[in-house]
Amino acid sequence: MAAHNAYNFDHPDAFDFGLLRVTLQRLKEGKKVEVPIYNFVTHSRETRTKMTYGANVIIFEGILTFYNAEVLKMCDMKVFVDTDADVRLARRLKRDISQRGRDLEGVLKQYSTMVKPSFYYYIAPSMVHADIIVPRGGDNEVAIELIVQHVRTRLQLRGFKLRQKLAHSYIGQPLPDSLFLLPDTPQTRGLHTFIRNKNTHRDEFIFYS
Protein backbone atom coordinates (compact mmCIF):
# COMPACT_ATOMS: atom_id res chain seq x y z
CA MET A 1 0.00 0.00 0.00
CA ALA A 2 2.79 2.40 0.89
CA ALA A 3 4.47 1.91 -2.47
CA HIS A 4 1.29 3.02 -4.23
CA ASN A 5 0.80 6.14 -2.09
CA ALA A 6 -2.10 4.44 -0.33
CA TYR A 7 -0.71 4.79 3.19
CA ASN A 8 -1.07 8.04 5.07
CA PHE A 9 2.35 8.85 6.52
CA ASP A 10 1.03 12.17 7.86
CA HIS A 11 -1.44 10.43 10.20
CA PRO A 12 -0.54 9.87 13.89
CA ASP A 13 -1.02 6.10 13.43
CA ALA A 14 2.02 6.08 11.12
CA PHE A 15 4.35 7.03 14.00
CA ASP A 16 5.87 4.76 16.64
CA PHE A 17 5.37 7.13 19.58
CA GLY A 18 6.31 4.42 22.09
CA LEU A 19 9.78 4.03 20.60
CA LEU A 20 10.03 7.79 20.18
CA ARG A 21 9.41 8.46 23.89
CA VAL A 22 12.00 5.89 24.98
CA THR A 23 14.56 7.23 22.49
CA LEU A 24 14.10 10.86 23.50
CA GLN A 25 14.31 10.00 27.19
CA ARG A 26 17.62 8.17 26.70
CA LEU A 27 19.01 11.09 24.71
CA LYS A 28 17.99 13.55 27.43
CA GLU A 29 19.86 11.33 29.91
CA GLY A 30 22.98 11.60 27.75
CA LYS A 31 22.85 7.97 26.62
CA LYS A 32 23.40 6.62 23.14
CA VAL A 33 20.52 5.13 21.15
CA GLU A 34 20.02 3.06 18.02
CA VAL A 35 17.61 4.97 15.79
CA PRO A 36 15.77 3.03 13.06
CA ILE A 37 16.41 4.17 9.50
CA TYR A 38 13.37 4.55 7.27
CA ASN A 39 13.82 4.07 3.55
CA PHE A 40 11.51 6.43 1.63
CA VAL A 41 12.16 4.60 -1.63
CA THR A 42 11.15 1.12 -0.41
CA HIS A 43 8.64 2.54 2.11
CA SER A 44 9.96 0.45 4.99
CA ARG A 45 12.43 0.37 7.86
CA GLU A 46 15.89 -0.90 7.10
CA THR A 47 17.59 -3.56 9.19
CA ARG A 48 20.47 -1.22 9.98
CA THR A 49 20.18 1.59 12.50
CA LYS A 50 21.93 4.90 13.17
CA MET A 51 23.76 5.41 16.44
CA THR A 52 23.00 8.77 18.06
CA TYR A 53 24.26 10.25 21.31
CA GLY A 54 22.63 12.45 23.92
CA ALA A 55 23.76 16.04 24.34
CA ASN A 56 23.12 19.17 26.39
CA VAL A 57 20.93 20.49 23.57
CA ILE A 58 18.71 18.12 21.59
CA ILE A 59 16.75 19.38 18.59
CA PHE A 60 13.83 17.11 17.76
CA GLU A 61 11.76 18.04 14.73
CA GLY A 62 8.85 16.52 12.89
CA ILE A 63 5.37 17.22 11.60
CA LEU A 64 3.63 15.70 14.64
CA THR A 65 6.08 16.72 17.34
CA PHE A 66 3.33 18.31 19.44
CA TYR A 67 0.73 15.57 18.93
CA ASN A 68 1.73 13.15 21.70
CA ALA A 69 1.19 14.54 25.21
CA GLU A 70 4.11 12.62 26.76
CA VAL A 71 6.54 13.75 24.06
CA LEU A 72 5.27 17.30 24.49
CA LYS A 73 6.21 17.22 28.19
CA MET A 74 9.80 16.35 27.29
CA CYS A 75 10.25 19.53 25.28
CA ASP A 76 11.86 22.44 27.14
CA MET A 77 11.17 24.79 24.26
CA LYS A 78 8.51 24.29 21.58
CA VAL A 79 8.92 25.97 18.20
CA PHE A 80 6.40 25.79 15.35
CA VAL A 81 7.94 26.67 11.99
CA ASP A 82 5.21 27.83 9.63
CA THR A 83 5.25 28.72 5.96
CA ASP A 84 2.88 29.31 3.05
CA ALA A 85 0.89 26.33 1.73
CA ASP A 86 2.19 26.90 -1.79
CA VAL A 87 5.76 26.77 -0.50
CA ARG A 88 5.04 23.51 1.33
CA LEU A 89 3.64 21.94 -1.84
CA ALA A 90 6.53 23.16 -4.00
CA ARG A 91 9.11 21.77 -1.56
CA ARG A 92 7.31 18.43 -1.38
CA LEU A 93 7.14 18.12 -5.16
CA LYS A 94 10.84 18.85 -5.51
CA ARG A 95 11.83 16.45 -2.72
CA ASP A 96 9.60 13.50 -3.57
CA ILE A 97 10.29 13.59 -7.30
CA SER A 98 14.06 14.28 -7.25
CA GLN A 99 15.03 12.39 -4.08
CA ARG A 100 12.42 9.67 -3.62
CA GLY A 101 11.69 8.64 -7.17
CA ARG A 102 7.99 9.51 -7.11
CA ASP A 103 5.99 10.68 -10.12
CA LEU A 104 4.13 14.00 -10.31
CA GLU A 105 0.66 12.46 -10.42
CA GLY A 106 1.32 10.28 -7.38
CA VAL A 107 2.76 13.15 -5.32
CA LEU A 108 -0.17 15.44 -6.10
CA LYS A 109 -2.68 12.70 -5.27
CA GLN A 110 -1.00 11.95 -1.95
CA TYR A 111 -0.81 15.65 -1.13
CA SER A 112 -4.46 16.40 -1.85
CA THR A 113 -5.95 13.28 -0.24
CA MET A 114 -3.65 12.80 2.76
CA VAL A 115 -0.97 15.42 3.39
CA LYS A 116 -3.11 18.55 3.17
CA PRO A 117 -6.09 17.18 5.19
CA SER A 118 -3.75 15.82 7.88
CA PHE A 119 -2.03 19.18 8.17
CA TYR A 120 -5.26 21.03 8.88
CA TYR A 121 -6.68 18.26 11.09
CA TYR A 122 -3.65 17.24 13.19
CA ILE A 123 -0.70 19.58 12.66
CA ALA A 124 -2.08 23.11 12.42
CA PRO A 125 -4.17 22.76 15.63
CA SER A 126 -1.02 21.75 17.55
CA MET A 127 0.34 25.25 16.96
CA VAL A 128 -1.35 26.30 20.24
CA HIS A 129 1.31 24.35 22.15
CA ALA A 130 4.19 26.33 20.64
CA ASP A 131 6.22 28.77 22.73
CA ILE A 132 7.44 30.43 19.53
CA ILE A 133 5.85 30.49 16.07
CA VAL A 134 8.32 31.19 13.26
CA PRO A 135 6.73 32.46 10.04
CA ARG A 136 8.60 32.16 6.72
CA GLY A 137 10.59 29.17 7.96
CA GLY A 138 14.37 29.21 7.74
CA ASP A 139 14.38 32.58 6.01
CA ASN A 140 13.34 34.27 9.24
CA GLU A 141 16.81 35.05 10.59
CA VAL A 142 15.51 37.34 13.33
CA ALA A 143 13.41 34.57 14.86
CA ILE A 144 16.26 32.07 14.59
CA GLU A 145 18.64 34.44 16.39
CA LEU A 146 16.11 34.91 19.20
CA ILE A 147 15.84 31.13 19.58
CA VAL A 148 19.63 30.74 19.70
CA GLN A 149 19.91 33.42 22.38
CA HIS A 150 17.17 31.77 24.41
CA VAL A 151 18.95 28.40 24.28
CA ARG A 152 22.22 29.99 25.38
CA THR A 153 20.45 31.69 28.30
CA ARG A 154 18.81 28.42 29.38
CA LEU A 155 22.17 26.64 29.29
CA GLN A 156 23.79 29.33 31.43
CA LEU A 157 20.94 29.13 33.96
CA ARG A 158 21.57 25.39 34.21
CA GLY A 159 25.18 26.02 35.10
CA PHE A 160 26.82 25.32 31.75
CA LYS A 161 29.80 27.55 31.06
CA LEU A 162 29.89 28.59 27.43
CA ARG A 163 33.27 28.48 25.78
CA GLN A 164 35.57 31.43 26.43
CA LYS A 165 37.91 32.87 23.83
CA LEU A 166 41.63 32.71 24.52
CA ALA A 167 43.01 36.10 25.53
CA HIS A 168 46.69 35.40 25.05
CA SER A 169 48.67 34.85 21.86
CA TYR A 170 50.98 32.08 20.73
CA ILE A 171 54.62 32.98 19.98
CA GLY A 172 53.66 36.63 19.74
CA GLN A 173 51.00 36.03 17.08
CA PRO A 174 47.26 36.61 17.66
CA LEU A 175 45.20 33.43 17.75
CA PRO A 176 42.38 33.07 15.21
CA ASP A 177 38.88 34.07 16.34
CA SER A 178 37.72 30.49 15.81
CA LEU A 179 40.04 29.10 18.51
CA PHE A 180 38.64 28.68 22.02
CA LEU A 181 39.97 27.20 25.23
CA LEU A 182 37.72 24.85 27.17
CA PRO A 183 38.11 24.93 30.95
CA ASP A 184 39.99 22.00 32.51
CA THR A 185 37.25 20.05 34.29
CA PRO A 186 36.67 16.40 35.24
CA GLN A 187 34.32 16.20 32.26
CA THR A 188 36.90 17.33 29.70
CA ARG A 189 39.54 15.07 31.25
CA GLY A 190 37.09 12.18 30.96
CA LEU A 191 36.52 13.02 27.30
CA HIS A 192 40.28 13.01 26.69
CA THR A 193 40.45 9.55 28.23
CA PHE A 194 38.03 8.20 25.64
CA ILE A 195 39.66 10.09 22.74
CA ARG A 196 43.17 8.84 23.58
CA ASN A 197 42.11 5.23 24.10
CA LYS A 198 43.08 3.21 21.01
CA ASN A 199 40.21 0.79 21.71
CA THR A 200 37.52 3.48 21.56
CA HIS A 201 34.96 2.73 18.86
CA ARG A 202 35.11 5.02 15.81
CA ASP A 203 31.60 6.45 16.34
CA GLU A 204 32.36 7.17 19.99
CA PHE A 205 35.68 8.80 19.07
CA ILE A 206 33.90 11.14 16.65
CA PHE A 207 31.20 11.95 19.21
CA TYR A 208 33.60 12.70 22.08
CA SER A 209 35.88 14.71 19.79
C-alpha atoms as a PDB file:
ATOM      1  CA  MET A   1       0.000   0.000   0.000  1.00  0.00           C
ATOM      2  CA  ALA A   2       2.793   2.395   0.889  1.00  0.00           C
ATOM      3  CA  ALA A   3       4.472   1.906  -2.468  1.00  0.00           C
ATOM      4  CA  HIS A   4       1.288   3.021  -4.230  1.00  0.00           C
ATOM      5  CA  ASN A   5       0.795   6.142  -2.086  1.00  0.00           C
ATOM      6  CA  ALA A   6      -2.104   4.437  -0.335  1.00  0.00           C
ATOM      7  CA  TYR A   7      -0.713   4.789   3.190  1.00  0.00           C
ATOM      8  CA  ASN A   8      -1.071   8.044   5.069  1.00  0.00           C
ATOM      9  CA  PHE A   9       2.351   8.854   6.521  1.00  0.00           C
ATOM     10  CA  ASP A  10       1.025  12.169   7.863  1.00  0.00           C
ATOM     11  CA  HIS A  11      -1.443  10.430  10.196  1.00  0.00           C
ATOM     12  CA  PRO A  12      -0.536   9.865  13.886  1.00  0.00           C
ATOM     13  CA  ASP A  13      -1.020   6.103  13.429  1.00  0.00           C
ATOM     14  CA  ALA A  14       2.022   6.080  11.117  1.00  0.00           C
ATOM     15  CA  PHE A  15       4.345   7.027  14.001  1.00  0.00           C
ATOM     16  CA  ASP A  16       5.868   4.762  16.642  1.00  0.00           C
ATOM     17  CA  PHE A  17       5.372   7.132  19.576  1.00  0.00           C
ATOM     18  CA  GLY A  18       6.312   4.420  22.088  1.00  0.00           C
ATOM     19  CA  LEU A  19       9.784   4.033  20.600  1.00  0.00           C
ATOM     20  CA  LEU A  20      10.027   7.792  20.184  1.00  0.00           C
ATOM     21  CA  ARG A  21       9.407   8.459  23.886  1.00  0.00           C
ATOM     22  CA  VAL A  22      11.995   5.895  24.976  1.00  0.00           C
ATOM     23  CA  THR A  23      14.559   7.227  22.488  1.00  0.00           C
ATOM     24  CA  LEU A  24      14.104  10.861  23.504  1.00  0.00           C
ATOM     25  CA  GLN A  25      14.309   9.999  27.191  1.00  0.00           C
ATOM     26  CA  ARG A  26      17.617   8.173  26.704  1.00  0.00           C
ATOM     27  CA  LEU A  27      19.012  11.094  24.712  1.00  0.00           C
ATOM     28  CA  LYS A  28      17.993  13.547  27.435  1.00  0.00           C
ATOM     29  CA  GLU A  29      19.860  11.333  29.908  1.00  0.00           C
ATOM     30  CA  GLY A  30      22.983  11.603  27.755  1.00  0.00           C
ATOM     31  CA  LYS A  31      22.853   7.973  26.617  1.00  0.00           C
ATOM     32  CA  LYS A  32      23.398   6.621  23.136  1.00  0.00           C
ATOM     33  CA  VAL A  33      20.516   5.125  21.151  1.00  0.00           C
ATOM     34  CA  GLU A  34      20.019   3.057  18.018  1.00  0.00           C
ATOM     35  CA  VAL A  35      17.609   4.972  15.790  1.00  0.00           C
ATOM     36  CA  PRO A  36      15.772   3.032  13.062  1.00  0.00           C
ATOM     37  CA  ILE A  37      16.414   4.170   9.496  1.00  0.00           C
ATOM     38  CA  TYR A  38      13.366   4.549   7.274  1.00  0.00           C
ATOM     39  CA  ASN A  39      13.816   4.065   3.546  1.00  0.00           C
ATOM     40  CA  PHE A  40      11.513   6.425   1.633  1.00  0.00           C
ATOM     41  CA  VAL A  41      12.158   4.595  -1.631  1.00  0.00           C
ATOM     42  CA  THR A  42      11.149   1.117  -0.409  1.00  0.00           C
ATOM     43  CA  HIS A  43       8.636   2.544   2.107  1.00  0.00           C
ATOM     44  CA  SER A  44       9.957   0.448   4.988  1.00  0.00           C
ATOM     45  CA  ARG A  45      12.435   0.369   7.863  1.00  0.00           C
ATOM     46  CA  GLU A  46      15.888  -0.899   7.099  1.00  0.00           C
ATOM     47  CA  THR A  47      17.587  -3.559   9.187  1.00  0.00           C
ATOM     48  CA  ARG A  48      20.474  -1.217   9.985  1.00  0.00           C
ATOM     49  CA  THR A  49      20.179   1.594  12.505  1.00  0.00           C
ATOM     50  CA  LYS A  50      21.931   4.900  13.172  1.00  0.00           C
ATOM     51  CA  MET A  51      23.765   5.415  16.439  1.00  0.00           C
ATOM     52  CA  THR A  52      22.999   8.766  18.057  1.00  0.00           C
ATOM     53  CA  TYR A  53      24.265  10.255  21.309  1.00  0.00           C
ATOM     54  CA  GLY A  54      22.632  12.447  23.918  1.00  0.00           C
ATOM     55  CA  ALA A  55      23.760  16.041  24.342  1.00  0.00           C
ATOM     56  CA  ASN A  56      23.120  19.168  26.388  1.00  0.00           C
ATOM     57  CA  VAL A  57      20.925  20.488  23.571  1.00  0.00           C
ATOM     58  CA  ILE A  58      18.714  18.118  21.591  1.00  0.00           C
ATOM     59  CA  ILE A  59      16.755  19.375  18.592  1.00  0.00           C
ATOM     60  CA  PHE A  60      13.825  17.109  17.759  1.00  0.00           C
ATOM     61  CA  GLU A  61      11.756  18.045  14.732  1.00  0.00           C
ATOM     62  CA  GLY A  62       8.850  16.517  12.890  1.00  0.00           C
ATOM     63  CA  ILE A  63       5.366  17.219  11.598  1.00  0.00           C
ATOM     64  CA  LEU A  64       3.630  15.700  14.640  1.00  0.00           C
ATOM     65  CA  THR A  65       6.085  16.717  17.342  1.00  0.00           C
ATOM     66  CA  PHE A  66       3.329  18.309  19.442  1.00  0.00           C
ATOM     67  CA  TYR A  67       0.727  15.566  18.934  1.00  0.00           C
ATOM     68  CA  ASN A  68       1.734  13.150  21.697  1.00  0.00           C
ATOM     69  CA  ALA A  69       1.186  14.537  25.211  1.00  0.00           C
ATOM     70  CA  GLU A  70       4.106  12.616  26.756  1.00  0.00           C
ATOM     71  CA  VAL A  71       6.537  13.749  24.059  1.00  0.00           C
ATOM     72  CA  LEU A  72       5.268  17.300  24.493  1.00  0.00           C
ATOM     73  CA  LYS A  73       6.206  17.220  28.187  1.00  0.00           C
ATOM     74  CA  MET A  74       9.802  16.347  27.285  1.00  0.00           C
ATOM     75  CA  CYS A  75      10.249  19.535  25.277  1.00  0.00           C
ATOM     76  CA  ASP A  76      11.859  22.441  27.142  1.00  0.00           C
ATOM     77  CA  MET A  77      11.166  24.795  24.263  1.00  0.00           C
ATOM     78  CA  LYS A  78       8.515  24.287  21.580  1.00  0.00           C
ATOM     79  CA  VAL A  79       8.921  25.969  18.197  1.00  0.00           C
ATOM     80  CA  PHE A  80       6.398  25.790  15.354  1.00  0.00           C
ATOM     81  CA  VAL A  81       7.940  26.666  11.989  1.00  0.00           C
ATOM     82  CA  ASP A  82       5.208  27.829   9.629  1.00  0.00           C
ATOM     83  CA  THR A  83       5.251  28.723   5.956  1.00  0.00           C
ATOM     84  CA  ASP A  84       2.882  29.309   3.053  1.00  0.00           C
ATOM     85  CA  ALA A  85       0.887  26.333   1.734  1.00  0.00           C
ATOM     86  CA  ASP A  86       2.195  26.900  -1.792  1.00  0.00           C
ATOM     87  CA  VAL A  87       5.759  26.766  -0.496  1.00  0.00           C
ATOM     88  CA  ARG A  88       5.039  23.513   1.331  1.00  0.00           C
ATOM     89  CA  LEU A  89       3.640  21.944  -1.842  1.00  0.00           C
ATOM     90  CA  ALA A  90       6.529  23.162  -3.996  1.00  0.00           C
ATOM     91  CA  ARG A  91       9.105  21.767  -1.559  1.00  0.00           C
ATOM     92  CA  ARG A  92       7.309  18.432  -1.379  1.00  0.00           C
ATOM     93  CA  LEU A  93       7.138  18.118  -5.163  1.00  0.00           C
ATOM     94  CA  LYS A  94      10.841  18.848  -5.508  1.00  0.00           C
ATOM     95  CA  ARG A  95      11.831  16.453  -2.719  1.00  0.00           C
ATOM     96  CA  ASP A  96       9.601  13.497  -3.572  1.00  0.00           C
ATOM     97  CA  ILE A  97      10.293  13.592  -7.303  1.00  0.00           C
ATOM     98  CA  SER A  98      14.057  14.280  -7.253  1.00  0.00           C
ATOM     99  CA  GLN A  99      15.035  12.392  -4.081  1.00  0.00           C
ATOM    100  CA  ARG A 100      12.424   9.670  -3.620  1.00  0.00           C
ATOM    101  CA  GLY A 101      11.690   8.640  -7.168  1.00  0.00           C
ATOM    102  CA  ARG A 102       7.989   9.510  -7.113  1.00  0.00           C
ATOM    103  CA  ASP A 103       5.993  10.685 -10.123  1.00  0.00           C
ATOM    104  CA  LEU A 104       4.131  14.005 -10.311  1.00  0.00           C
ATOM    105  CA  GLU A 105       0.662  12.460 -10.415  1.00  0.00           C
ATOM    106  CA  GLY A 106       1.322  10.281  -7.380  1.00  0.00           C
ATOM    107  CA  VAL A 107       2.763  13.149  -5.317  1.00  0.00           C
ATOM    108  CA  LEU A 108      -0.168  15.438  -6.099  1.00  0.00           C
ATOM    109  CA  LYS A 109      -2.677  12.699  -5.271  1.00  0.00           C
ATOM    110  CA  GLN A 110      -1.003  11.948  -1.954  1.00  0.00           C
ATOM    111  CA  TYR A 111      -0.811  15.649  -1.125  1.00  0.00           C
ATOM    112  CA  SER A 112      -4.464  16.401  -1.847  1.00  0.00           C
ATOM    113  CA  THR A 113      -5.954  13.282  -0.235  1.00  0.00           C
ATOM    114  CA  MET A 114      -3.648  12.798   2.765  1.00  0.00           C
ATOM    115  CA  VAL A 115      -0.974  15.425   3.393  1.00  0.00           C
ATOM    116  CA  LYS A 116      -3.114  18.551   3.172  1.00  0.00           C
ATOM    117  CA  PRO A 117      -6.087  17.180   5.190  1.00  0.00           C
ATOM    118  CA  SER A 118      -3.746  15.819   7.875  1.00  0.00           C
ATOM    119  CA  PHE A 119      -2.031  19.182   8.167  1.00  0.00           C
ATOM    120  CA  TYR A 120      -5.263  21.029   8.881  1.00  0.00           C
ATOM    121  CA  TYR A 121      -6.684  18.265  11.090  1.00  0.00           C
ATOM    122  CA  TYR A 122      -3.648  17.242  13.186  1.00  0.00           C
ATOM    123  CA  ILE A 123      -0.700  19.583  12.657  1.00  0.00           C
ATOM    124  CA  ALA A 124      -2.085  23.115  12.420  1.00  0.00           C
ATOM    125  CA  PRO A 125      -4.167  22.758  15.634  1.00  0.00           C
ATOM    126  CA  SER A 126      -1.025  21.754  17.550  1.00  0.00           C
ATOM    127  CA  MET A 127       0.339  25.252  16.964  1.00  0.00           C
ATOM    128  CA  VAL A 128      -1.354  26.303  20.236  1.00  0.00           C
ATOM    129  CA  HIS A 129       1.308  24.349  22.148  1.00  0.00           C
ATOM    130  CA  ALA A 130       4.193  26.335  20.642  1.00  0.00           C
ATOM    131  CA  ASP A 131       6.216  28.773  22.725  1.00  0.00           C
ATOM    132  CA  ILE A 132       7.435  30.430  19.530  1.00  0.00           C
ATOM    133  CA  ILE A 133       5.855  30.487  16.066  1.00  0.00           C
ATOM    134  CA  VAL A 134       8.318  31.192  13.258  1.00  0.00           C
ATOM    135  CA  PRO A 135       6.727  32.462  10.035  1.00  0.00           C
ATOM    136  CA  ARG A 136       8.598  32.164   6.715  1.00  0.00           C
ATOM    137  CA  GLY A 137      10.588  29.166   7.955  1.00  0.00           C
ATOM    138  CA  GLY A 138      14.367  29.205   7.740  1.00  0.00           C
ATOM    139  CA  ASP A 139      14.382  32.576   6.005  1.00  0.00           C
ATOM    140  CA  ASN A 140      13.337  34.274   9.244  1.00  0.00           C
ATOM    141  CA  GLU A 141      16.814  35.049  10.590  1.00  0.00           C
ATOM    142  CA  VAL A 142      15.509  37.341  13.334  1.00  0.00           C
ATOM    143  CA  ALA A 143      13.408  34.575  14.860  1.00  0.00           C
ATOM    144  CA  ILE A 144      16.262  32.070  14.593  1.00  0.00           C
ATOM    145  CA  GLU A 145      18.641  34.437  16.386  1.00  0.00           C
ATOM    146  CA  LEU A 146      16.110  34.907  19.197  1.00  0.00           C
ATOM    147  CA  ILE A 147      15.836  31.130  19.576  1.00  0.00           C
ATOM    148  CA  VAL A 148      19.626  30.740  19.697  1.00  0.00           C
ATOM    149  CA  GLN A 149      19.913  33.416  22.379  1.00  0.00           C
ATOM    150  CA  HIS A 150      17.171  31.767  24.413  1.00  0.00           C
ATOM    151  CA  VAL A 151      18.945  28.395  24.275  1.00  0.00           C
ATOM    152  CA  ARG A 152      22.218  29.995  25.381  1.00  0.00           C
ATOM    153  CA  THR A 153      20.451  31.687  28.299  1.00  0.00           C
ATOM    154  CA  ARG A 154      18.813  28.420  29.376  1.00  0.00           C
ATOM    155  CA  LEU A 155      22.170  26.637  29.294  1.00  0.00           C
ATOM    156  CA  GLN A 156      23.787  29.331  31.432  1.00  0.00           C
ATOM    157  CA  LEU A 157      20.941  29.132  33.956  1.00  0.00           C
ATOM    158  CA  ARG A 158      21.572  25.389  34.214  1.00  0.00           C
ATOM    159  CA  GLY A 159      25.177  26.015  35.095  1.00  0.00           C
ATOM    160  CA  PHE A 160      26.820  25.320  31.753  1.00  0.00           C
ATOM    161  CA  LYS A 161      29.800  27.546  31.061  1.00  0.00           C
ATOM    162  CA  LEU A 162      29.887  28.592  27.432  1.00  0.00           C
ATOM    163  CA  ARG A 163      33.272  28.479  25.778  1.00  0.00           C
ATOM    164  CA  GLN A 164      35.565  31.433  26.427  1.00  0.00           C
ATOM    165  CA  LYS A 165      37.912  32.871  23.827  1.00  0.00           C
ATOM    166  CA  LEU A 166      41.631  32.706  24.515  1.00  0.00           C
ATOM    167  CA  ALA A 167      43.008  36.098  25.531  1.00  0.00           C
ATOM    168  CA  HIS A 168      46.689  35.399  25.052  1.00  0.00           C
ATOM    169  CA  SER A 169      48.672  34.851  21.859  1.00  0.00           C
ATOM    170  CA  TYR A 170      50.978  32.077  20.727  1.00  0.00           C
ATOM    171  CA  ILE A 171      54.618  32.983  19.982  1.00  0.00           C
ATOM    172  CA  GLY A 172      53.663  36.631  19.745  1.00  0.00           C
ATOM    173  CA  GLN A 173      51.004  36.033  17.075  1.00  0.00           C
ATOM    174  CA  PRO A 174      47.257  36.608  17.664  1.00  0.00           C
ATOM    175  CA  LEU A 175      45.203  33.432  17.745  1.00  0.00           C
ATOM    176  CA  PRO A 176      42.376  33.068  15.214  1.00  0.00           C
ATOM    177  CA  ASP A 177      38.884  34.070  16.343  1.00  0.00           C
ATOM    178  CA  SER A 178      37.722  30.486  15.808  1.00  0.00           C
ATOM    179  CA  LEU A 179      40.043  29.104  18.514  1.00  0.00           C
ATOM    180  CA  PHE A 180      38.637  28.685  22.019  1.00  0.00           C
ATOM    181  CA  LEU A 181      39.965  27.201  25.232  1.00  0.00           C
ATOM    182  CA  LEU A 182      37.721  24.852  27.168  1.00  0.00           C
ATOM    183  CA  PRO A 183      38.109  24.927  30.955  1.00  0.00           C
ATOM    184  CA  ASP A 184      39.991  21.999  32.506  1.00  0.00           C
ATOM    185  CA  THR A 185      37.254  20.049  34.287  1.00  0.00           C
ATOM    186  CA  PRO A 186      36.668  16.397  35.241  1.00  0.00           C
ATOM    187  CA  GLN A 187      34.317  16.200  32.256  1.00  0.00           C
ATOM    188  CA  THR A 188      36.901  17.331  29.697  1.00  0.00           C
ATOM    189  CA  ARG A 189      39.538  15.068  31.252  1.00  0.00           C
ATOM    190  CA  GLY A 190      37.090  12.184  30.955  1.00  0.00           C
ATOM    191  CA  LEU A 191      36.516  13.016  27.298  1.00  0.00           C
ATOM    192  CA  HIS A 192      40.278  13.014  26.694  1.00  0.00           C
ATOM    193  CA  THR A 193      40.450   9.552  28.228  1.00  0.00           C
ATOM    194  CA  PHE A 194      38.033   8.201  25.637  1.00  0.00           C
ATOM    195  CA  ILE A 195      39.656  10.085  22.743  1.00  0.00           C
ATOM    196  CA  ARG A 196      43.166   8.842  23.581  1.00  0.00           C
ATOM    197  CA  ASN A 197      42.105   5.228  24.097  1.00  0.00           C
ATOM    198  CA  LYS A 198      43.085   3.208  21.006  1.00  0.00           C
ATOM    199  CA  ASN A 199      40.209   0.785  21.714  1.00  0.00           C
ATOM    200  CA  THR A 200      37.520   3.485  21.560  1.00  0.00           C
ATOM    201  CA  HIS A 201      34.958   2.727  18.856  1.00  0.00           C
ATOM    202  CA  ARG A 202      35.107   5.019  15.814  1.00  0.00           C
ATOM    203  CA  ASP A 203      31.598   6.450  16.343  1.00  0.00           C
ATOM    204  CA  GLU A 204      32.356   7.174  19.995  1.00  0.00           C
ATOM    205  CA  PHE A 205      35.675   8.799  19.072  1.00  0.00           C
ATOM    206  CA  ILE A 206      33.901  11.142  16.646  1.00  0.00           C
ATOM    207  CA  PHE A 207      31.203  11.954  19.206  1.00  0.00           C
ATOM    208  CA  TYR A 208      33.597  12.702  22.075  1.00  0.00           C
ATOM    209  CA  SER A 209      35.880  14.712  19.788  1.00  0.00           C
END
